[in-house]
Amino acid sequence: MAASAAMAQDAAVEPVAATVGGGVSSIHILVGLAVAQSIIILALGGILRDLAGSGGWAARITGKGGRMLLLLPLLAVASSANAQAYQGAAGPPSESTMFWWLFAANALLFLVICLQLRWIKMLTAVVTPAIEVIPKAKHANAPSWVGNVWAKLNRQVKLEDEQKIELDHDYDGIRELDNVLPPWWLWLFYGTIAWGVLYLVNVHVIKVWPQQDVEYANEMNKAKADVAAYLATQTNLVDENNVTFTDEAAVINEGRTLYSTFCTACHGADAAGSENSVGPNLTDAYWLHGGGIKNVFRTITHGVPEKGMIAWKTQLQPAEIRAIASYILTRAGQGGPGQKAPQGELWKEEGATAGTDSLQTAAPAAQ
């Protein structure tokens, strides 16, 4: 019995440890399962006490061979296990240790429930008077074993004894009986009260469990981080709404190579163009279709058909278009003496100062 109580006490630290350690879902599930099993054990304990009563049942149990005498010490085990259910621990163990302690505690609680159910069946057979063998016609209305157990679980009063619990009220011939609440329902109700007290103390007093709004915010932040990490690996999911500038050497080198292959013919090798070039100067601060990484990306992606620039989305991947756009923005202010005259409107990134360079004011590789 002492060993079982120790196991239950170790399982009790798990809810706090699991929350402090990061709120692992499997640990939360085991904690909830332990609480539910504890409530069931309490309810079954009340049922066993109701079945046992205080009369001559002990003599009848002894007459069955004495095996039912095990009921009392094992009931003490169940009570001890539940009494230890939520004691604190000296220090938070590892999540792996918490999981296995909770697993062992739940296994012990499940064993106690199985034993209690067996005792209920055995005790019901002991306390239920033996039914005489009578003709089937007379025995047809006798209660079944299931009916007897259900009556005990609900403390049902026999039909012939209802006058003992009848209230002195008569509503147009309708009689009211003073039936008690079913023990199993009552113990479940007590369990919800116990859980409410436990939750209140842990969340609002000692604050070892997070409040619902904090837990929700933490989960949302974690979800956003997970989504961002996933999107970072999915380079082809980039579009003009979420594209960002990067000056990573690998990306810029890729953009330079792609620019030389696809853009030089219209915008010149240095992106500054010339008076004879088809495309505009991409190194100054003036843009025909808007500057900045998003506008540059959009222009390259969809093109400018009315000016002869094709939509490169049919030939280039989004990650490649981003590399070209980032490379173009690094060319800001590097046009040579033969660069093409400015075209379009002066572009200034929102919030930028007059001295902002083209990393903040640059635009599409092809306008």
Protein backbone atom coordinates (compact mmCIF):
# COMPACT_ATOMS: atom_id res chain seq x y z
CA MET A 1 0.00 0.00 0.00
CA ALA A 2 2.88 2.36 0.76
CA ALA A 3 4.43 1.65 -2.64
CA SER A 4 1.16 2.43 -4.39
CA ALA A 5 0.80 5.65 -2.45
CA ALA A 6 4.34 6.64 -3.46
CA MET A 7 3.57 5.98 -7.09
CA ALA A 8 0.43 8.09 -6.91
CA GLN A 9 2.39 10.86 -5.21
CA ASP A 10 5.01 10.85 -7.98
CA ALA A 11 2.27 10.97 -10.62
CA ALA A 12 0.83 13.97 -8.86
CA VAL A 13 3.76 16.19 -9.67
CA GLU A 14 3.32 15.65 -13.36
CA PRO A 15 0.69 18.34 -14.16
CA VAL A 16 2.92 21.09 -12.79
CA ALA A 17 6.14 19.69 -14.22
CA ALA A 18 4.58 19.20 -17.63
CA THR A 19 3.33 22.79 -17.75
CA VAL A 20 6.55 24.31 -16.49
CA GLY A 21 8.54 22.16 -18.91
CA GLY A 22 6.68 23.43 -21.96
CA GLY A 23 3.19 21.94 -21.89
CA VAL A 24 3.85 18.68 -23.79
CA SER A 25 0.53 17.45 -25.08
CA SER A 26 1.10 13.81 -24.11
CA ILE A 27 1.83 14.83 -20.52
CA HIS A 28 -1.34 16.94 -20.39
CA ILE A 29 -3.34 13.96 -21.65
CA LEU A 30 -1.87 11.68 -18.98
CA VAL A 31 -2.59 14.27 -16.27
CA GLY A 32 -6.20 14.57 -17.41
CA LEU A 33 -6.52 10.78 -17.55
CA ALA A 34 -5.14 10.48 -14.02
CA VAL A 35 -7.64 13.06 -12.75
CA ALA A 36 -10.53 11.28 -14.51
CA GLN A 37 -9.48 7.90 -13.11
CA SER A 38 -9.14 9.39 -9.63
CA ILE A 39 -12.70 10.70 -9.84
CA ILE A 40 -13.93 7.29 -11.03
CA ILE A 41 -12.14 5.60 -8.13
CA LEU A 42 -13.80 7.98 -5.68
CA ALA A 43 -17.21 7.27 -7.21
CA LEU A 44 -16.67 3.50 -7.15
CA GLY A 45 -15.45 3.75 -3.57
CA GLY A 46 -18.74 5.39 -2.61
CA ILE A 47 -20.65 2.67 -4.42
CA LEU A 48 -18.68 -0.03 -2.60
CA ARG A 49 -19.49 1.59 0.73
CA ASP A 50 -23.18 1.67 -0.21
CA LEU A 51 -23.10 -1.99 -1.22
CA ALA A 52 -21.24 -3.04 1.91
CA GLY A 53 -23.60 -1.27 4.29
CA SER A 54 -23.17 -1.85 8.02
CA GLY A 55 -25.14 -5.06 8.63
CA GLY A 56 -24.35 -8.75 8.53
CA TRP A 57 -22.55 -8.69 5.20
CA ALA A 58 -19.19 -9.48 6.85
CA ALA A 59 -20.44 -12.87 8.01
CA ARG A 60 -21.67 -13.66 4.51
CA ILE A 61 -18.30 -12.63 3.04
CA THR A 62 -16.54 -14.92 5.54
CA GLY A 63 -18.86 -17.71 4.48
CA LYS A 64 -17.62 -17.24 0.91
CA GLY A 65 -14.11 -18.25 1.95
CA GLY A 66 -12.74 -15.01 3.38
CA ARG A 67 -11.44 -13.69 0.08
CA MET A 68 -13.64 -10.61 0.24
CA LEU A 69 -11.76 -9.47 3.34
CA LEU A 70 -9.21 -8.09 0.89
CA LEU A 71 -11.74 -5.36 0.15
CA LEU A 72 -10.83 -3.14 3.08
CA PRO A 73 -7.04 -2.89 2.61
CA LEU A 74 -7.37 -2.46 -1.15
CA LEU A 75 -9.95 0.27 -0.65
CA ALA A 76 -7.35 1.95 1.50
CA VAL A 77 -4.91 1.73 -1.41
CA ALA A 78 -7.39 3.53 -3.66
CA SER A 79 -8.02 6.21 -1.05
CA SER A 80 -4.28 6.66 -0.50
CA ALA A 81 -3.65 6.95 -4.24
CA ASN A 82 -6.25 9.67 -4.61
CA ALA A 83 -5.20 11.47 -1.47
CA GLN A 84 -1.73 11.92 -2.96
CA ALA A 85 -3.10 13.05 -6.36
CA TYR A 86 -1.77 16.61 -6.51
CA GLN A 87 1.09 17.09 -4.08
CA GLY A 88 4.04 19.16 -5.26
CA ALA A 89 7.57 17.99 -6.08
CA ALA A 90 10.92 19.20 -4.82
CA GLY A 91 12.15 20.00 -8.30
CA PRO A 92 10.92 19.65 -11.88
CA PRO A 93 12.04 16.33 -13.42
CA SER A 94 12.71 15.86 -17.10
CA GLU A 95 9.80 15.50 -19.53
CA SER A 96 10.75 11.86 -20.16
CA THR A 97 10.72 11.13 -16.42
CA MET A 98 7.38 12.91 -16.03
CA PHE A 99 5.88 10.87 -18.87
CA TRP A 100 6.89 7.50 -17.43
CA TRP A 101 5.84 8.42 -13.87
CA LEU A 102 2.46 9.52 -15.18
CA PHE A 103 2.18 6.37 -17.29
CA ALA A 104 2.91 4.18 -14.26
CA ALA A 105 0.46 6.14 -12.11
CA ASN A 106 -2.30 5.80 -14.71
CA ALA A 107 -1.62 2.06 -14.97
CA LEU A 108 -1.91 1.76 -11.18
CA LEU A 109 -5.14 3.76 -11.12
CA PHE A 110 -6.58 1.63 -13.92
CA LEU A 111 -5.71 -1.53 -11.96
CA VAL A 112 -7.49 -0.12 -8.91
CA ILE A 113 -10.59 0.61 -11.04
CA CYS A 114 -10.59 -2.94 -12.42
CA LEU A 115 -10.31 -4.38 -8.92
CA GLN A 116 -13.09 -2.13 -7.65
CA LEU A 117 -15.39 -3.23 -10.47
CA ARG A 118 -14.66 -6.87 -9.66
CA TRP A 119 -15.38 -6.24 -5.97
CA ILE A 120 -18.67 -4.58 -6.87
CA LYS A 121 -19.65 -7.67 -8.84
CA MET A 122 -18.58 -10.04 -6.04
CA LEU A 123 -20.15 -7.95 -3.29
CA THR A 124 -23.38 -7.66 -5.23
CA ALA A 125 -23.52 -11.45 -5.44
CA VAL A 126 -22.89 -11.67 -1.68
CA VAL A 127 -25.43 -9.10 -0.52
CA THR A 128 -28.14 -10.07 -3.03
CA PRO A 129 -30.33 -12.83 -1.56
CA ALA A 130 -30.27 -16.08 -3.50
CA ILE A 131 -33.26 -16.44 -5.81
CA GLU A 132 -35.14 -19.65 -5.32
CA VAL A 133 -35.54 -21.89 -8.30
CA ILE A 134 -39.14 -21.38 -9.28
CA PRO A 135 -41.07 -21.98 -12.43
CA LYS A 136 -40.16 -19.63 -15.26
CA ALA A 137 -43.63 -18.17 -15.35
CA LYS A 138 -43.24 -16.90 -11.77
CA HIS A 139 -39.57 -15.93 -12.20
CA ALA A 140 -40.05 -13.88 -15.36
CA ASN A 141 -40.30 -10.52 -13.56
CA ALA A 142 -37.36 -11.08 -11.19
CA PRO A 143 -34.66 -8.37 -11.50
CA SER A 144 -31.53 -9.27 -13.45
CA TRP A 145 -28.00 -8.95 -12.10
CA VAL A 146 -27.52 -5.83 -14.21
CA GLY A 147 -30.76 -4.40 -12.84
CA ASN A 148 -29.62 -5.05 -9.27
CA VAL A 149 -26.26 -3.35 -9.87
CA TRP A 150 -27.93 -0.40 -11.59
CA ALA A 151 -30.32 -0.02 -8.68
CA LYS A 152 -27.39 -0.01 -6.26
CA LEU A 153 -25.45 2.49 -8.37
CA ASN A 154 -28.41 4.86 -8.32
CA ARG A 155 -29.64 4.04 -4.79
CA GLN A 156 -33.02 3.21 -6.21
CA VAL A 157 -35.76 2.41 -3.73
CA LYS A 158 -37.81 -0.70 -4.40
CA LEU A 159 -41.28 -0.10 -5.72
CA GLU A 160 -42.88 -1.58 -2.62
CA ASP A 161 -40.83 0.75 -0.37
CA GLU A 162 -41.61 4.00 -2.17
CA GLN A 163 -44.08 5.07 0.49
CA LYS A 164 -41.11 5.49 2.85
CA ILE A 165 -39.66 8.31 0.75
CA GLU A 166 -42.93 9.86 -0.40
CA LEU A 167 -43.22 13.58 0.34
CA ASP A 168 -46.36 15.08 1.76
CA HIS A 169 -47.13 16.84 -1.49
CA ASP A 170 -49.91 15.98 -3.89
CA TYR A 171 -50.10 17.81 -7.18
CA ASP A 172 -53.36 16.81 -8.82
CA GLY A 173 -52.75 13.21 -7.91
CA ILE A 174 -49.05 13.29 -8.77
CA ARG A 175 -46.89 12.08 -5.90
CA GLU A 176 -43.34 13.31 -5.32
CA LEU A 177 -40.60 10.99 -4.06
CA ASP A 178 -37.56 12.15 -2.11
CA ASN A 179 -35.01 10.22 -4.18
CA VAL A 180 -31.31 10.83 -3.51
CA LEU A 181 -28.84 11.83 -6.17
CA PRO A 182 -27.03 8.88 -7.80
CA PRO A 183 -23.66 8.35 -6.05
CA TRP A 184 -21.71 8.19 -9.32
CA TRP A 185 -23.19 11.52 -10.44
CA LEU A 186 -22.55 13.07 -7.03
CA TRP A 187 -18.88 12.05 -7.01
CA LEU A 188 -18.40 13.32 -10.53
CA PHE A 189 -19.86 16.63 -9.37
CA TYR A 190 -17.47 16.68 -6.41
CA GLY A 191 -14.68 15.93 -8.88
CA THR A 192 -15.50 19.01 -10.95
CA ILE A 193 -15.37 21.11 -7.79
CA ALA A 194 -11.98 19.63 -6.87
CA TRP A 195 -10.70 20.28 -10.38
CA GLY A 196 -11.97 23.86 -10.24
CA VAL A 197 -10.12 24.48 -6.97
CA LEU A 198 -6.96 22.89 -8.36
CA TYR A 199 -7.17 25.00 -11.52
CA LEU A 200 -7.81 28.20 -9.57
CA VAL A 201 -4.83 27.63 -7.28
CA ASN A 202 -2.41 26.62 -10.05
CA VAL A 203 -3.43 29.35 -12.50
CA HIS A 204 -4.29 32.35 -10.32
CA VAL A 205 -2.52 31.75 -6.98
CA ILE A 206 0.80 29.94 -7.44
CA LYS A 207 0.70 30.56 -11.21
CA VAL A 208 2.43 27.36 -12.34
CA TRP A 209 -0.09 26.91 -15.16
CA PRO A 210 -0.57 29.65 -17.79
CA GLN A 211 -3.86 31.48 -18.09
CA GLN A 212 -5.98 30.71 -21.14
CA ASP A 213 -5.19 33.96 -22.96
CA VAL A 214 -1.45 33.54 -22.34
CA GLU A 215 -1.54 29.91 -23.45
CA TYR A 216 -3.48 30.90 -26.57
CA ALA A 217 -0.98 33.66 -27.40
CA ASN A 218 1.95 31.26 -26.89
CA GLU A 219 0.37 28.68 -29.16
CA MET A 220 -0.35 31.28 -31.84
CA ASN A 221 3.24 32.59 -31.69
CA LYS A 222 4.58 29.06 -31.96
CA ALA A 223 2.27 28.38 -34.91
CA LYS A 224 3.46 31.56 -36.67
CA ALA A 225 7.08 30.57 -36.08
CA ASP A 226 6.40 27.10 -37.47
CA VAL A 227 4.71 28.57 -40.55
CA ALA A 228 7.57 31.02 -41.09
CA ALA A 229 10.12 28.21 -40.76
CA TYR A 230 8.19 26.13 -43.27
CA LEU A 231 7.83 28.98 -45.74
CA ALA A 232 11.56 29.67 -45.46
CA THR A 233 12.17 26.22 -46.92
CA GLN A 234 9.61 26.74 -49.69
CA THR A 235 11.37 29.29 -51.86
CA ASN A 236 8.91 28.86 -54.71
CA LEU A 237 6.06 30.12 -52.54
CA VAL A 238 7.44 33.67 -52.79
CA ASP A 239 5.19 36.26 -54.44
CA GLU A 240 4.97 40.05 -54.67
CA ASN A 241 3.12 40.21 -51.36
CA ASN A 242 5.68 38.45 -49.18
CA VAL A 243 8.95 38.84 -51.10
CA THR A 244 11.81 40.44 -49.17
CA PHE A 245 15.14 41.90 -50.24
CA THR A 246 18.28 39.94 -49.43
CA ASP A 247 21.94 40.76 -49.90
CA GLU A 248 23.19 37.23 -49.29
CA ALA A 249 26.17 36.59 -51.53
CA ALA A 250 24.78 33.35 -52.94
CA VAL A 251 21.47 34.99 -53.89
CA ILE A 252 23.13 38.09 -55.38
CA ASN A 253 25.52 35.96 -57.44
CA GLU A 254 22.60 33.90 -58.73
CA GLY A 255 20.73 37.11 -59.57
CA ARG A 256 23.77 38.51 -61.43
CA THR A 257 24.01 35.36 -63.54
CA LEU A 258 20.30 35.33 -64.34
CA TYR A 259 20.34 39.06 -65.12
CA SER A 260 23.20 38.57 -67.57
CA THR A 261 21.23 35.81 -69.29
CA PHE A 262 17.77 37.37 -69.49
CA CYS A 263 17.99 41.15 -68.91
CA THR A 264 21.20 42.46 -70.46
CA ALA A 265 19.72 42.77 -73.95
CA CYS A 266 17.22 45.44 -72.85
CA HIS A 267 18.84 47.06 -69.80
CA GLY A 268 22.55 46.79 -70.48
CA ALA A 269 25.24 44.75 -68.77
CA ASP A 270 25.48 47.20 -65.85
CA ALA A 271 21.66 47.69 -65.56
CA ALA A 272 22.15 51.40 -66.36
CA GLY A 273 21.08 51.09 -69.99
CA SER A 274 22.07 53.61 -72.65
CA GLU A 275 20.37 56.09 -74.90
CA ASN A 276 19.93 53.33 -77.47
CA SER A 277 18.70 50.63 -75.07
CA VAL A 278 15.10 49.48 -75.07
CA GLY A 279 14.67 49.26 -71.33
CA PRO A 280 15.03 52.05 -68.76
CA ASN A 281 17.95 52.75 -66.44
CA LEU A 282 17.65 50.50 -63.37
CA THR A 283 20.41 52.16 -61.32
CA ASP A 284 18.89 55.59 -60.71
CA ALA A 285 16.09 56.54 -58.31
CA TYR A 286 13.43 57.01 -61.00
CA TRP A 287 11.00 54.21 -61.83
CA LEU A 288 8.26 53.78 -64.38
CA HIS A 289 6.36 51.12 -62.44
CA GLY A 290 7.38 51.72 -58.84
CA GLY A 291 10.55 50.92 -56.94
CA GLY A 292 11.27 48.68 -54.00
CA ILE A 293 11.61 44.91 -53.91
CA LYS A 294 7.87 44.20 -54.20
CA ASN A 295 7.35 46.42 -57.25
CA VAL A 296 10.50 45.12 -58.94
CA PHE A 297 9.41 41.53 -58.30
CA ARG A 298 5.89 42.26 -59.61
CA THR A 299 7.17 43.92 -62.79
CA ILE A 300 9.53 41.06 -63.60
CA THR A 301 6.86 38.47 -62.83
CA HIS A 302 3.99 39.95 -64.85
CA GLY A 303 5.99 42.01 -67.35
CA VAL A 304 4.86 45.15 -69.18
CA PRO A 305 3.29 43.81 -72.39
CA GLU A 306 2.43 47.25 -73.80
CA LYS A 307 6.15 48.13 -73.77
CA GLY A 308 7.40 44.81 -75.02
CA MET A 309 8.50 43.27 -71.71
CA ILE A 310 7.30 39.69 -71.34
CA ALA A 311 6.04 38.08 -68.13
CA TRP A 312 9.05 36.14 -66.88
CA LYS A 313 6.94 33.98 -64.56
CA THR A 314 6.58 31.47 -67.38
CA GLN A 315 10.35 30.98 -67.60
CA LEU A 316 11.69 31.72 -64.12
CA GLN A 317 10.87 30.37 -60.68
CA PRO A 318 9.78 32.83 -57.94
CA ALA A 319 13.08 32.30 -56.11
CA GLU A 320 14.98 33.19 -59.30
CA ILE A 321 12.91 36.34 -59.84
CA ARG A 322 13.64 37.35 -56.24
CA ALA A 323 17.36 36.86 -56.88
CA ILE A 324 17.24 39.10 -59.98
CA ALA A 325 15.23 41.79 -58.16
CA SER A 326 17.64 41.78 -55.21
CA TYR A 327 20.63 42.03 -57.55
CA ILE A 328 19.08 44.99 -59.41
CA LEU A 329 18.53 46.84 -56.14
CA THR A 330 22.21 46.40 -55.25
CA ARG A 331 23.10 48.24 -58.49
CA ALA A 332 21.55 51.50 -57.28
CA GLY A 333 23.76 54.53 -57.97
CA GLN A 334 26.34 52.52 -59.95
CA GLY A 335 25.43 53.67 -63.45
CA GLY A 336 28.33 54.80 -65.63
CA PRO A 337 28.72 58.06 -67.56
CA GLY A 338 26.83 56.63 -70.52
CA GLN A 339 23.79 55.62 -68.53
CA LYS A 340 20.32 56.27 -69.84
CA ALA A 341 18.50 59.40 -68.70
CA PRO A 342 16.01 59.02 -65.84
CA GLN A 343 12.49 57.94 -66.71
CA GLY A 344 9.35 57.79 -64.62
CA GLU A 345 8.90 59.20 -61.13
CA LEU A 346 11.32 59.60 -58.24
CA TRP A 347 10.76 56.66 -55.91
CA LYS A 348 11.15 56.99 -52.17
CA GLU A 349 10.37 54.09 -49.85
CA GLU A 350 7.75 54.95 -47.26
CA GLY A 351 9.50 56.40 -44.20
CA ALA A 352 12.80 56.89 -46.05
CA THR A 353 14.81 60.14 -46.00
CA ALA A 354 16.00 62.18 -48.96
CA GLY A 355 19.37 60.44 -48.89
CA THR A 356 17.92 56.95 -49.14
CA ASP A 357 19.82 54.70 -51.54
CA SER A 358 18.28 52.38 -54.10
CA LEU A 359 18.11 49.44 -51.72
CA GLN A 360 15.14 51.36 -50.43
CA THR A 361 14.15 53.09 -53.66
CA ALA A 362 15.08 50.65 -56.41
CA ALA A 363 12.64 48.90 -58.72
CA PRO A 364 12.00 46.13 -61.26
CA ALA A 365 14.65 44.61 -63.40
CA ALA A 366 12.48 45.30 -66.36
CA GLN A 367 10.07 48.16 -66.56
